[in-house]
Amino acid sequence: MKVVILAGGLGTRLMEETEARPKPMVEIGGKPILWHIMKIYEAYGYNDFVLCLGYKAQTIKEYFLNYYLYNSDVTIELEKNKVDVHFSNSESFKVTLVDTGLTTNTAGRIKRIQKYLNEETFMLTYGDGVSDVNIQELVEFHNSHGKLATLTSIQTPGRFGNIEMDEAGNVDHFVEKPQGDGMWINGGFFVLEPGIFKYLKDDMDEVQWEKRPLIEMANDGQLAAFRHNGFWKPMDALRDRIELEQLWSSGSAKWKIW
């Protein structure tokens, strides 16, 4: 089963990092967050990837074109123009790099990689979020309900503490960062049938995947949610990158399942 990763956005909320490189190439522990996402799937035996590129696509292409050398011990003889590779620590990734347009929105990016999927069930996720979601259980859940699409739903904690107090300001109850308002949100990590492409018309370049296509599938009873109660973290802003880096350096990166 192929894994499609949306890796073409501008990453405007992380501009401190993304002026020079696309957001999926922002590093956590010396490796792009894209690499971390791919390692999650590889841990479950899924190593055939299709990357939807856009903003600074050449940066991601160059990374994978030179990946073997980046992860090997080499001797370079400049006079002889000779390179000897002594040891390789490369992963078993197969990567199809598709330039889906600089300004194309997410639905259009998915539409443009249809020809690489061979009319087969495939997985899809965003190029800026990590999780310890059990991919095998996710796939099994998808196969059990017979719908076209499954998304992974996440219940995020509140950002601030809740306070209950009386009119005089006396605090009766305080909870630091409680669970949110009970709402489940879209956390990516989709499993999709080729039938979803009937919801992706030829005019998709300005359409968000989360807007018209997913809404229409839900209205038609073709969308299911796999509930994940474990770790999930998107890298939306600089504070998120710092938090992920701290988790990695402290050995507390729950998404590191390999």
Protein backbone atom coordinates (compact mmCIF):
# COMPACT_ATOMS: atom_id res chain seq x y z
CA MET A 1 0.00 0.00 0.00
CA LYS A 2 1.39 3.40 -0.98
CA VAL A 3 1.64 6.30 1.46
CA VAL A 4 0.92 9.79 0.11
CA ILE A 5 2.36 12.72 2.07
CA LEU A 6 1.26 16.32 1.50
CA ALA A 7 4.57 18.19 1.46
CA GLY A 8 3.93 21.26 -0.67
CA GLY A 9 2.51 23.96 1.59
CA LEU A 10 4.11 27.34 2.31
CA GLY A 11 4.25 26.93 6.11
CA THR A 12 3.55 30.61 6.74
CA ARG A 13 3.01 30.16 10.49
CA LEU A 14 6.55 28.77 10.79
CA MET A 15 8.18 31.48 8.69
CA GLU A 16 11.24 31.59 10.94
CA GLU A 17 12.16 28.16 9.57
CA THR A 18 10.41 28.00 6.19
CA GLU A 19 11.88 31.03 4.43
CA ALA A 20 14.83 28.86 3.42
CA ARG A 21 13.20 25.40 3.22
CA PRO A 22 9.76 23.78 3.04
CA LYS A 23 8.13 22.93 6.34
CA PRO A 24 8.52 19.12 5.93
CA MET A 25 12.30 19.70 5.82
CA VAL A 26 12.43 21.50 9.18
CA GLU A 27 14.59 19.29 11.36
CA ILE A 28 13.85 17.49 14.60
CA GLY A 29 16.93 15.82 16.08
CA GLY A 30 18.93 16.56 12.95
CA LYS A 31 16.42 14.88 10.61
CA PRO A 32 13.55 16.50 8.66
CA ILE A 33 10.13 15.97 10.21
CA LEU A 34 9.26 14.35 6.87
CA TRP A 35 11.82 11.63 7.65
CA HIS A 36 10.21 11.04 11.07
CA ILE A 37 6.78 10.61 9.45
CA MET A 38 8.16 8.16 6.90
CA LYS A 39 9.88 6.17 9.67
CA ILE A 40 6.53 5.77 11.46
CA TYR A 41 5.05 4.11 8.39
CA GLU A 42 8.18 2.08 7.70
CA ALA A 43 7.95 0.62 11.22
CA TYR A 44 4.69 -1.05 10.09
CA GLY A 45 6.12 -2.25 6.79
CA TYR A 46 4.90 0.59 4.56
CA ASN A 47 7.85 2.09 2.68
CA ASP A 48 6.44 3.08 -0.74
CA PHE A 49 5.86 6.85 -0.64
CA VAL A 50 4.40 9.45 -3.00
CA LEU A 51 5.31 12.98 -1.96
CA CYS A 52 3.15 15.89 -3.14
CA LEU A 53 5.63 18.73 -3.58
CA GLY A 54 5.11 22.46 -4.14
CA TYR A 55 6.94 25.18 -2.23
CA LYS A 56 10.71 24.74 -2.66
CA ALA A 57 10.15 21.33 -4.24
CA GLN A 58 13.78 21.21 -5.37
CA THR A 59 14.96 21.12 -1.73
CA ILE A 60 13.09 17.87 -1.08
CA LYS A 61 14.15 16.40 -4.44
CA GLU A 62 17.81 17.16 -3.73
CA TYR A 63 17.54 15.64 -0.25
CA PHE A 64 16.38 12.28 -1.63
CA LEU A 65 18.64 12.34 -4.66
CA ASN A 66 21.61 12.65 -2.30
CA TYR A 67 20.10 10.57 0.51
CA TYR A 68 22.38 7.61 0.00
CA LEU A 69 25.52 9.73 0.42
CA TYR A 70 24.08 11.64 3.38
CA ASN A 71 23.66 8.36 5.24
CA SER A 72 26.91 6.60 4.28
CA ASP A 73 30.60 6.62 5.05
CA VAL A 74 32.43 7.73 1.90
CA THR A 75 35.93 8.31 0.59
CA ILE A 76 36.18 10.98 -2.12
CA GLU A 77 39.25 11.16 -4.39
CA LEU A 78 38.96 14.56 -5.97
CA GLU A 79 41.83 14.10 -8.43
CA LYS A 80 40.32 10.89 -9.80
CA ASN A 81 36.70 12.06 -9.48
CA LYS A 82 36.01 8.86 -7.56
CA VAL A 83 33.63 8.14 -4.70
CA ASP A 84 33.79 4.96 -2.63
CA VAL A 85 30.84 4.15 -0.35
CA HIS A 86 31.97 2.10 2.64
CA PHE A 87 28.86 1.84 4.75
CA SER A 88 25.24 2.75 4.22
CA ASN A 89 22.63 3.36 6.89
CA SER A 90 19.88 4.17 4.41
CA GLU A 91 16.26 3.21 4.94
CA SER A 92 14.35 1.03 2.50
CA PHE A 93 12.25 3.94 1.23
CA LYS A 94 10.88 3.99 -2.30
CA VAL A 95 10.00 7.63 -2.99
CA THR A 96 8.04 9.12 -5.90
CA LEU A 97 8.52 12.89 -5.94
CA VAL A 98 5.69 14.75 -7.71
CA ASP A 99 5.69 18.51 -8.24
CA THR A 100 1.99 19.29 -7.73
CA GLY A 101 2.27 23.05 -8.20
CA LEU A 102 3.39 25.99 -6.10
CA THR A 103 -0.04 27.33 -5.17
CA THR A 104 -2.19 24.19 -5.59
CA ASN A 105 -4.41 23.48 -2.59
CA THR A 106 -4.49 20.08 -0.89
CA ALA A 107 -7.40 18.56 -2.85
CA GLY A 108 -5.67 19.50 -6.10
CA ARG A 109 -2.39 17.97 -4.94
CA ILE A 110 -4.11 14.66 -4.22
CA LYS A 111 -5.87 14.76 -7.60
CA ARG A 112 -2.54 15.26 -9.37
CA ILE A 113 -0.96 12.10 -7.94
CA GLN A 114 -3.88 9.80 -8.83
CA LYS A 115 -1.98 8.26 -11.74
CA TYR A 116 0.72 6.97 -9.39
CA LEU A 117 -1.67 4.96 -7.19
CA ASN A 118 -2.65 2.15 -9.58
CA GLU A 119 -6.32 2.23 -8.51
CA GLU A 120 -5.39 0.74 -5.13
CA THR A 121 -6.16 1.53 -1.50
CA PHE A 122 -3.65 4.06 -0.20
CA MET A 123 -2.76 6.07 2.89
CA LEU A 124 -2.46 9.83 3.19
CA THR A 125 -1.13 12.22 5.81
CA TYR A 126 0.24 15.70 6.28
CA GLY A 127 3.95 16.50 6.11
CA ASP A 128 4.14 18.34 9.41
CA GLY A 129 2.74 16.09 12.14
CA VAL A 130 3.91 13.04 14.10
CA SER A 131 2.03 10.51 16.19
CA ASP A 132 2.28 7.09 17.81
CA VAL A 133 -0.92 6.00 16.05
CA ASN A 134 -0.98 2.26 15.43
CA ILE A 135 -1.01 2.13 11.63
CA GLN A 136 -1.88 -1.57 11.53
CA GLU A 137 -4.94 -1.08 13.74
CA LEU A 138 -5.90 1.92 11.61
CA VAL A 139 -5.79 -0.17 8.43
CA GLU A 140 -7.73 -3.00 10.07
CA PHE A 141 -10.41 -0.53 11.20
CA HIS A 142 -10.66 0.88 7.68
CA ASN A 143 -11.06 -2.60 6.19
CA SER A 144 -13.82 -3.41 8.67
CA HIS A 145 -16.36 -0.71 7.78
CA GLY A 146 -16.43 -0.69 3.97
CA LYS A 147 -16.46 3.09 3.53
CA LEU A 148 -14.27 5.00 1.08
CA ALA A 149 -12.32 7.00 3.65
CA THR A 150 -11.00 6.77 7.19
CA LEU A 151 -9.38 9.64 9.07
CA THR A 152 -7.61 9.48 12.40
CA SER A 153 -9.43 11.58 14.97
CA ILE A 154 -7.62 13.22 17.88
CA GLN A 155 -8.92 14.73 21.10
CA THR A 156 -6.49 17.48 21.99
CA PRO A 157 -5.91 18.92 25.48
CA GLY A 158 -6.85 22.50 26.25
CA ARG A 159 -4.06 25.07 25.95
CA PHE A 160 -4.78 26.73 29.29
CA GLY A 161 -5.92 25.77 32.78
CA ASN A 162 -9.61 25.88 33.69
CA ILE A 163 -10.65 27.88 36.74
CA GLU A 164 -13.97 27.77 38.58
CA MET A 165 -14.50 30.67 41.00
CA ASP A 166 -17.23 32.56 42.82
CA GLU A 167 -18.12 36.23 42.41
CA ALA A 168 -15.56 37.24 45.06
CA GLY A 169 -12.75 35.61 43.10
CA ASN A 170 -12.34 32.57 45.35
CA VAL A 171 -11.14 29.63 43.28
CA ASP A 172 -13.18 26.50 43.87
CA HIS A 173 -11.61 24.30 41.22
CA PHE A 174 -8.53 24.40 39.00
CA VAL A 175 -7.42 21.96 36.29
CA GLU A 176 -4.15 22.57 34.42
CA LYS A 177 -4.59 22.00 30.67
CA PRO A 178 -7.63 19.67 30.83
CA GLN A 179 -9.00 17.77 27.87
CA GLY A 180 -10.61 20.16 25.46
CA ASP A 181 -14.31 20.60 24.95
CA GLY A 182 -14.88 16.95 24.04
CA MET A 183 -14.59 17.60 20.32
CA TRP A 184 -12.59 15.25 18.12
CA ILE A 185 -10.50 16.83 15.36
CA ASN A 186 -8.95 15.59 12.13
CA GLY A 187 -5.42 14.36 12.83
CA GLY A 188 -4.56 13.16 9.32
CA PHE A 189 -3.29 9.58 8.92
CA PHE A 190 -6.00 8.66 6.42
CA VAL A 191 -6.71 5.35 4.69
CA LEU A 192 -8.48 5.87 1.36
CA GLU A 193 -10.05 3.84 -1.41
CA PRO A 194 -9.56 4.85 -5.07
CA GLY A 195 -13.27 5.68 -5.12
CA ILE A 196 -12.51 8.95 -3.32
CA PHE A 197 -11.35 10.40 -6.63
CA LYS A 198 -14.95 10.78 -7.78
CA TYR A 199 -15.07 13.57 -5.17
CA LEU A 200 -11.97 15.19 -6.68
CA LYS A 201 -13.02 16.88 -9.89
CA ASP A 202 -10.77 18.64 -12.39
CA ASP A 203 -11.32 22.03 -10.73
CA MET A 204 -9.64 21.12 -7.45
CA ASP A 205 -6.56 23.38 -7.54
CA GLU A 206 -8.10 25.96 -5.19
CA VAL A 207 -10.00 23.51 -2.98
CA GLN A 208 -8.96 22.24 0.44
CA TRP A 209 -9.15 18.48 0.96
CA GLU A 210 -10.78 19.14 4.34
CA LYS A 211 -13.50 21.31 2.83
CA ARG A 212 -15.53 20.11 -0.15
CA PRO A 213 -14.26 16.49 -0.64
CA LEU A 214 -14.33 15.35 3.01
CA ILE A 215 -17.61 17.17 3.66
CA GLU A 216 -19.23 15.52 0.66
CA MET A 217 -17.95 12.09 1.68
CA ALA A 218 -19.30 12.57 5.19
CA ASN A 219 -22.68 13.66 3.80
CA ASP A 220 -22.75 10.51 1.65
CA GLY A 221 -21.90 8.23 4.59
CA GLN A 222 -18.48 7.40 3.14
CA LEU A 223 -16.23 8.75 5.92
CA ALA A 224 -15.29 7.01 9.18
CA ALA A 225 -13.07 8.10 12.08
CA PHE A 226 -10.47 5.98 13.85
CA ARG A 227 -10.14 7.30 17.40
CA HIS A 228 -6.58 7.74 18.60
CA ASN A 229 -6.05 8.49 22.29
CA GLY A 230 -2.27 8.50 22.24
CA PHE A 231 0.38 11.01 21.22
CA TRP A 232 -0.19 13.41 18.31
CA LYS A 233 1.59 16.66 17.59
CA PRO A 234 1.51 18.96 14.54
CA MET A 235 4.32 21.43 13.90
CA ASP A 236 2.28 24.57 13.24
CA ALA A 237 4.53 27.18 14.84
CA LEU A 238 8.04 27.67 16.23
CA ARG A 239 6.95 26.71 19.73
CA ASP A 240 5.81 23.33 18.36
CA ARG A 241 9.20 22.70 16.74
CA ILE A 242 10.92 23.57 20.01
CA GLU A 243 8.65 21.19 21.94
CA LEU A 244 9.25 18.35 19.47
CA GLU A 245 13.00 18.96 19.62
CA GLN A 246 12.93 18.82 23.43
CA LEU A 247 10.98 15.55 23.37
CA TRP A 248 13.46 14.03 20.93
CA SER A 249 16.60 15.16 22.77
CA SER A 250 15.25 13.96 26.12
CA GLY A 251 14.43 10.49 24.80
CA SER A 252 10.69 11.12 25.28
CA ALA A 253 9.64 11.16 21.61
CA LYS A 254 6.58 8.91 21.72
CA TRP A 255 6.36 8.83 17.93
CA LYS A 256 9.75 7.07 17.75
CA ILE A 257 8.40 3.54 17.39
CA TRP A 258 11.30 2.22 15.27
